[in-house]
N, C-alpha and C. Protein backbone atom coordinates (compact mmCIF):
# COMPACT_ATOMS: atom_id res chain seq x y z
N MET A 1 -14.95 80.56 25.03
CA MET A 1 -14.10 80.04 23.97
C MET A 1 -12.66 79.95 24.49
N PRO A 2 -12.02 78.80 24.28
CA PRO A 2 -10.64 78.64 24.76
C PRO A 2 -9.67 79.60 24.07
N THR A 3 -8.64 79.99 24.80
CA THR A 3 -7.60 80.84 24.23
C THR A 3 -6.66 80.00 23.37
N ILE A 4 -5.80 80.68 22.61
CA ILE A 4 -4.81 79.97 21.79
C ILE A 4 -3.96 79.07 22.68
N TYR A 5 -3.49 79.62 23.80
CA TYR A 5 -2.66 78.83 24.71
C TYR A 5 -3.43 77.60 25.20
N GLU A 6 -4.70 77.77 25.56
CA GLU A 6 -5.48 76.64 26.06
C GLU A 6 -5.66 75.56 24.99
N ARG A 7 -5.83 75.98 23.75
CA ARG A 7 -5.95 75.00 22.65
C ARG A 7 -4.62 74.25 22.48
N ILE A 8 -3.51 74.98 22.53
CA ILE A 8 -2.20 74.34 22.40
C ILE A 8 -1.99 73.35 23.54
N LYS A 9 -2.33 73.76 24.75
CA LYS A 9 -2.18 72.90 25.93
C LYS A 9 -3.04 71.64 25.79
N GLU A 10 -4.27 71.82 25.34
CA GLU A 10 -5.19 70.69 25.15
C GLU A 10 -4.62 69.66 24.16
N VAL A 11 -4.15 70.15 23.02
CA VAL A 11 -3.62 69.24 22.00
C VAL A 11 -2.31 68.61 22.46
N SER A 12 -1.44 69.40 23.05
CA SER A 12 -0.15 68.85 23.50
C SER A 12 -0.37 67.79 24.58
N ASP A 13 -1.32 68.01 25.47
CA ASP A 13 -1.64 66.98 26.48
C ASP A 13 -2.16 65.71 25.81
N LYS A 14 -3.03 65.88 24.84
CA LYS A 14 -3.59 64.73 24.12
C LYS A 14 -2.49 63.95 23.40
N ARG A 15 -1.49 64.66 22.89
CA ARG A 15 -0.40 64.02 22.15
C ARG A 15 0.74 63.59 23.09
N LYS A 16 0.57 63.79 24.38
CA LYS A 16 1.59 63.44 25.39
C LYS A 16 2.88 64.21 25.16
N MET A 17 2.74 65.49 24.80
CA MET A 17 3.89 66.37 24.59
C MET A 17 3.80 67.51 25.61
N SER A 18 4.93 67.89 26.17
CA SER A 18 4.93 69.04 27.07
C SER A 18 4.94 70.32 26.24
N ILE A 19 4.52 71.41 26.85
CA ILE A 19 4.57 72.71 26.18
C ILE A 19 6.01 73.05 25.84
N ASP A 20 6.94 72.74 26.74
CA ASP A 20 8.36 73.02 26.48
C ASP A 20 8.86 72.22 25.27
N TYR A 21 8.41 70.97 25.13
CA TYR A 21 8.80 70.14 23.99
C TYR A 21 8.27 70.76 22.69
N VAL A 22 7.00 71.15 22.68
CA VAL A 22 6.40 71.76 21.50
C VAL A 22 7.14 73.05 21.16
N ASN A 23 7.41 73.85 22.18
CA ASN A 23 8.12 75.11 22.01
C ASN A 23 9.48 74.87 21.35
N ASP A 24 10.21 73.86 21.85
CA ASP A 24 11.54 73.54 21.32
C ASP A 24 11.46 73.01 19.89
N LYS A 25 10.55 72.05 19.62
CA LYS A 25 10.41 71.48 18.28
C LYS A 25 9.99 72.54 17.26
N ALA A 26 9.26 73.55 17.71
CA ALA A 26 8.83 74.63 16.81
C ALA A 26 9.94 75.65 16.59
N GLY A 27 11.02 75.54 17.37
CA GLY A 27 12.15 76.46 17.21
C GLY A 27 11.88 77.85 17.74
N LEU A 28 11.03 77.94 18.74
CA LEU A 28 10.68 79.24 19.31
C LEU A 28 11.61 79.60 20.46
N SER A 29 11.63 80.87 20.80
CA SER A 29 12.45 81.31 21.92
C SER A 29 11.91 80.69 23.21
N ASN A 30 12.76 80.62 24.21
CA ASN A 30 12.44 79.99 25.48
C ASN A 30 11.12 80.50 26.06
N LYS A 31 10.22 79.58 26.35
CA LYS A 31 8.93 79.86 26.99
C LYS A 31 8.00 80.75 26.16
N ALA A 32 8.22 80.82 24.84
CA ALA A 32 7.39 81.68 23.98
C ALA A 32 5.91 81.33 24.08
N ILE A 33 5.60 80.05 24.06
CA ILE A 33 4.19 79.64 24.08
C ILE A 33 3.52 80.09 25.38
N TYR A 34 4.24 80.03 26.49
CA TYR A 34 3.65 80.48 27.76
C TYR A 34 3.27 81.96 27.68
N GLY A 35 4.03 82.73 26.92
CA GLY A 35 3.73 84.16 26.75
C GLY A 35 2.43 84.40 26.01
N TRP A 36 1.96 83.39 25.28
CA TRP A 36 0.73 83.54 24.51
C TRP A 36 -0.52 83.49 25.38
N LYS A 37 -0.33 83.26 26.69
CA LYS A 37 -1.47 83.35 27.61
C LYS A 37 -2.01 84.77 27.62
N LYS A 38 -1.10 85.74 27.41
CA LYS A 38 -1.49 87.16 27.50
C LYS A 38 -1.27 87.93 26.21
N SER A 39 -0.64 87.32 25.23
CA SER A 39 -0.38 88.04 23.98
C SER A 39 -0.73 87.15 22.79
N THR A 40 -0.78 87.75 21.63
CA THR A 40 -1.11 87.04 20.40
C THR A 40 0.18 86.71 19.65
N PRO A 41 0.36 85.45 19.25
CA PRO A 41 1.58 85.08 18.53
C PRO A 41 1.59 85.60 17.10
N LYS A 42 2.79 85.71 16.55
CA LYS A 42 2.92 86.03 15.13
C LYS A 42 2.40 84.82 14.34
N ALA A 43 1.89 85.09 13.16
CA ALA A 43 1.30 84.03 12.33
C ALA A 43 2.30 82.92 12.03
N ASP A 44 3.55 83.28 11.72
CA ASP A 44 4.53 82.25 11.38
C ASP A 44 4.87 81.37 12.58
N ASN A 45 4.90 81.95 13.77
CA ASN A 45 5.17 81.15 14.98
C ASN A 45 3.99 80.23 15.30
N LEU A 46 2.78 80.73 15.10
CA LEU A 46 1.61 79.89 15.32
C LEU A 46 1.60 78.72 14.34
N GLN A 47 2.00 78.97 13.10
CA GLN A 47 2.06 77.91 12.09
C GLN A 47 3.08 76.85 12.49
N LYS A 48 4.22 77.27 13.03
CA LYS A 48 5.24 76.31 13.47
C LYS A 48 4.70 75.39 14.55
N VAL A 49 3.97 75.96 15.50
CA VAL A 49 3.37 75.16 16.58
C VAL A 49 2.30 74.23 16.01
N ALA A 50 1.49 74.74 15.11
CA ALA A 50 0.45 73.91 14.48
C ALA A 50 1.08 72.73 13.75
N ASP A 51 2.20 72.97 13.08
CA ASP A 51 2.90 71.90 12.36
C ASP A 51 3.40 70.83 13.32
N VAL A 52 3.97 71.24 14.45
CA VAL A 52 4.46 70.28 15.44
C VAL A 52 3.30 69.44 15.99
N LEU A 53 2.17 70.09 16.23
CA LEU A 53 1.02 69.41 16.82
C LEU A 53 0.13 68.71 15.78
N HIS A 54 0.43 68.94 14.50
CA HIS A 54 -0.37 68.36 13.41
C HIS A 54 -1.84 68.78 13.49
N VAL A 55 -2.03 70.07 13.69
CA VAL A 55 -3.37 70.66 13.66
C VAL A 55 -3.33 71.89 12.77
N SER A 56 -4.48 72.41 12.43
CA SER A 56 -4.51 73.63 11.62
C SER A 56 -4.41 74.85 12.52
N THR A 57 -3.95 75.94 11.96
CA THR A 57 -3.93 77.20 12.72
C THR A 57 -5.36 77.63 13.02
N ASP A 58 -6.28 77.32 12.13
CA ASP A 58 -7.69 77.65 12.40
C ASP A 58 -8.18 76.97 13.67
N TYR A 59 -7.73 75.75 13.91
CA TYR A 59 -8.11 75.06 15.14
C TYR A 59 -7.54 75.79 16.35
N LEU A 60 -6.25 76.13 16.29
CA LEU A 60 -5.62 76.82 17.42
C LEU A 60 -6.25 78.18 17.68
N LEU A 61 -6.72 78.83 16.61
CA LEU A 61 -7.36 80.14 16.74
C LEU A 61 -8.82 80.04 17.16
N GLY A 62 -9.35 78.82 17.22
CA GLY A 62 -10.74 78.64 17.63
C GLY A 62 -11.75 78.86 16.52
N ARG A 63 -11.28 78.89 15.28
CA ARG A 63 -12.18 79.10 14.14
C ARG A 63 -12.91 77.83 13.72
N THR A 64 -12.38 76.68 14.15
CA THR A 64 -13.00 75.39 13.84
C THR A 64 -12.72 74.44 14.99
N ASP A 65 -13.57 73.43 15.10
CA ASP A 65 -13.34 72.39 16.11
C ASP A 65 -12.72 71.15 15.50
N GLU A 66 -12.48 71.18 14.18
CA GLU A 66 -11.82 70.07 13.51
C GLU A 66 -10.32 70.33 13.54
N MET A 67 -9.57 69.44 14.18
CA MET A 67 -8.14 69.67 14.39
C MET A 67 -7.36 69.84 13.10
N ASN A 68 -7.62 69.01 12.11
CA ASN A 68 -6.88 69.13 10.86
C ASN A 68 -7.75 68.67 9.70
N PRO A 69 -8.54 69.57 9.16
CA PRO A 69 -9.45 69.17 8.09
C PRO A 69 -8.74 68.62 6.86
N SER A 70 -7.55 69.10 6.56
CA SER A 70 -6.87 68.61 5.36
C SER A 70 -6.44 67.16 5.52
N LEU A 71 -6.06 66.75 6.74
CA LEU A 71 -5.66 65.36 6.95
C LEU A 71 -6.86 64.41 6.92
N SER A 72 -8.03 64.91 7.33
CA SER A 72 -9.19 64.04 7.35
C SER A 72 -9.66 63.71 5.94
N THR A 73 -9.32 64.55 4.97
CA THR A 73 -9.71 64.28 3.59
C THR A 73 -8.56 63.71 2.77
N GLN A 74 -7.34 63.77 3.33
CA GLN A 74 -6.17 63.26 2.62
C GLN A 74 -6.17 61.74 2.67
N LYS A 75 -5.96 61.10 1.52
CA LYS A 75 -6.02 59.65 1.47
C LYS A 75 -4.64 59.00 1.53
N GLU A 76 -3.59 59.73 1.18
CA GLU A 76 -2.27 59.12 1.11
C GLU A 76 -1.19 60.14 1.42
N PHE A 77 -0.12 59.69 2.07
CA PHE A 77 1.07 60.51 2.24
C PHE A 77 2.27 59.58 2.26
N ASP A 78 3.43 60.13 1.99
CA ASP A 78 4.65 59.34 1.92
C ASP A 78 5.31 59.30 3.30
N LEU A 79 5.23 58.16 3.96
CA LEU A 79 5.76 58.01 5.31
C LEU A 79 7.27 58.21 5.34
N LYS A 80 7.98 57.65 4.37
CA LYS A 80 9.44 57.80 4.33
C LYS A 80 9.81 59.27 4.21
N GLN A 81 9.12 60.00 3.34
CA GLN A 81 9.40 61.42 3.16
C GLN A 81 9.10 62.19 4.45
N ALA A 82 8.01 61.85 5.11
CA ALA A 82 7.66 62.53 6.36
C ALA A 82 8.73 62.30 7.42
N ILE A 83 9.21 61.06 7.52
CA ILE A 83 10.25 60.74 8.50
C ILE A 83 11.55 61.46 8.15
N GLU A 84 11.94 61.43 6.88
CA GLU A 84 13.19 62.06 6.47
C GLU A 84 13.15 63.58 6.61
N ASN A 85 11.96 64.17 6.54
CA ASN A 85 11.82 65.62 6.68
C ASN A 85 11.59 66.04 8.12
N ASP A 86 11.84 65.12 9.06
CA ASP A 86 11.75 65.39 10.49
C ASP A 86 10.37 65.88 10.92
N ILE A 87 9.34 65.34 10.28
CA ILE A 87 7.98 65.63 10.70
C ILE A 87 7.68 64.72 11.88
N THR A 88 7.09 65.25 12.92
CA THR A 88 6.78 64.44 14.09
C THR A 88 5.75 63.40 13.69
N ILE A 89 6.11 62.14 13.88
CA ILE A 89 5.23 61.02 13.60
C ILE A 89 4.79 60.47 14.96
N ALA A 90 3.50 60.24 15.11
CA ALA A 90 2.99 59.76 16.39
C ALA A 90 2.21 58.47 16.19
N PHE A 91 2.18 57.67 17.23
CA PHE A 91 1.35 56.47 17.27
C PHE A 91 0.58 56.52 18.57
N ASP A 92 -0.72 56.47 18.47
CA ASP A 92 -1.59 56.54 19.65
C ASP A 92 -1.33 57.81 20.45
N GLY A 93 -1.05 58.89 19.72
CA GLY A 93 -0.85 60.19 20.35
C GLY A 93 0.53 60.43 20.92
N LYS A 94 1.44 59.45 20.80
CA LYS A 94 2.78 59.60 21.36
C LYS A 94 3.80 59.67 20.23
N PRO A 95 4.73 60.64 20.29
CA PRO A 95 5.74 60.75 19.22
C PRO A 95 6.60 59.49 19.15
N ILE A 96 6.90 59.08 17.92
CA ILE A 96 7.77 57.92 17.69
C ILE A 96 9.22 58.39 17.75
N SER A 97 10.06 57.65 18.46
CA SER A 97 11.47 58.03 18.61
C SER A 97 12.21 57.89 17.28
N GLU A 98 13.36 58.55 17.19
CA GLU A 98 14.20 58.46 15.99
C GLU A 98 14.62 57.02 15.72
N LYS A 99 14.89 56.28 16.78
CA LYS A 99 15.28 54.87 16.65
C LYS A 99 14.19 54.09 15.92
N TYR A 100 12.96 54.25 16.35
CA TYR A 100 11.86 53.50 15.73
C TYR A 100 11.53 54.01 14.33
N LYS A 101 11.77 55.29 14.08
CA LYS A 101 11.58 55.80 12.71
C LYS A 101 12.53 55.08 11.76
N ARG A 102 13.79 54.90 12.19
CA ARG A 102 14.77 54.18 11.36
C ARG A 102 14.35 52.72 11.15
N VAL A 103 13.83 52.11 12.21
CA VAL A 103 13.37 50.72 12.12
C VAL A 103 12.22 50.62 11.11
N ILE A 104 11.30 51.56 11.16
CA ILE A 104 10.16 51.56 10.22
C ILE A 104 10.66 51.65 8.79
N ILE A 105 11.58 52.57 8.53
CA ILE A 105 12.12 52.72 7.17
C ILE A 105 12.81 51.44 6.73
N GLU A 106 13.61 50.83 7.62
CA GLU A 106 14.30 49.58 7.27
C GLU A 106 13.30 48.46 6.97
N MET A 107 12.28 48.33 7.82
CA MET A 107 11.28 47.28 7.61
C MET A 107 10.55 47.46 6.29
N LEU A 108 10.13 48.67 6.02
CA LEU A 108 9.39 48.91 4.78
C LEU A 108 10.28 48.80 3.56
N SER A 109 11.54 49.19 3.69
CA SER A 109 12.48 49.04 2.58
C SER A 109 12.74 47.57 2.28
N ASP A 110 12.90 46.76 3.34
CA ASP A 110 13.08 45.32 3.16
C ASP A 110 11.86 44.69 2.51
N ASP A 111 10.68 45.12 2.92
CA ASP A 111 9.43 44.60 2.37
C ASP A 111 9.32 44.93 0.89
N GLU A 112 9.76 46.13 0.53
CA GLU A 112 9.71 46.57 -0.87
C GLU A 112 10.62 45.70 -1.73
N GLU A 113 11.79 45.33 -1.18
CA GLU A 113 12.74 44.49 -1.92
C GLU A 113 12.20 43.08 -2.12
N ASP A 114 11.38 42.61 -1.17
CA ASP A 114 10.80 41.26 -1.26
C ASP A 114 9.72 41.17 -2.33
N ASN A 115 9.11 42.29 -2.68
CA ASN A 115 8.00 42.28 -3.66
C ASN A 115 8.48 42.31 -5.06
């Protein structure tokens, strides 16, 4: 069974994110995730990493093989709210830059005005 660190590494590689990037976006101390190779993270820190990677903590803990069961059943979410709340938005596994997030909001806002 993969370790927590190995699960984080697997997902971050799939999302084209470095461990250092995930560590920074989660607001953890320098190289904290690397320390999880030999130690167990606090629940709140694990949740922060799960949020950055958009997976469940159960997935990172190896309790399930489904990365995010709640998203697979969720039918709708507010993209503008997600962008404004600095949630990492990805396309094809790659994070969307702040520049393109603004472009998306502008395009959708313009489209809304046209309707």
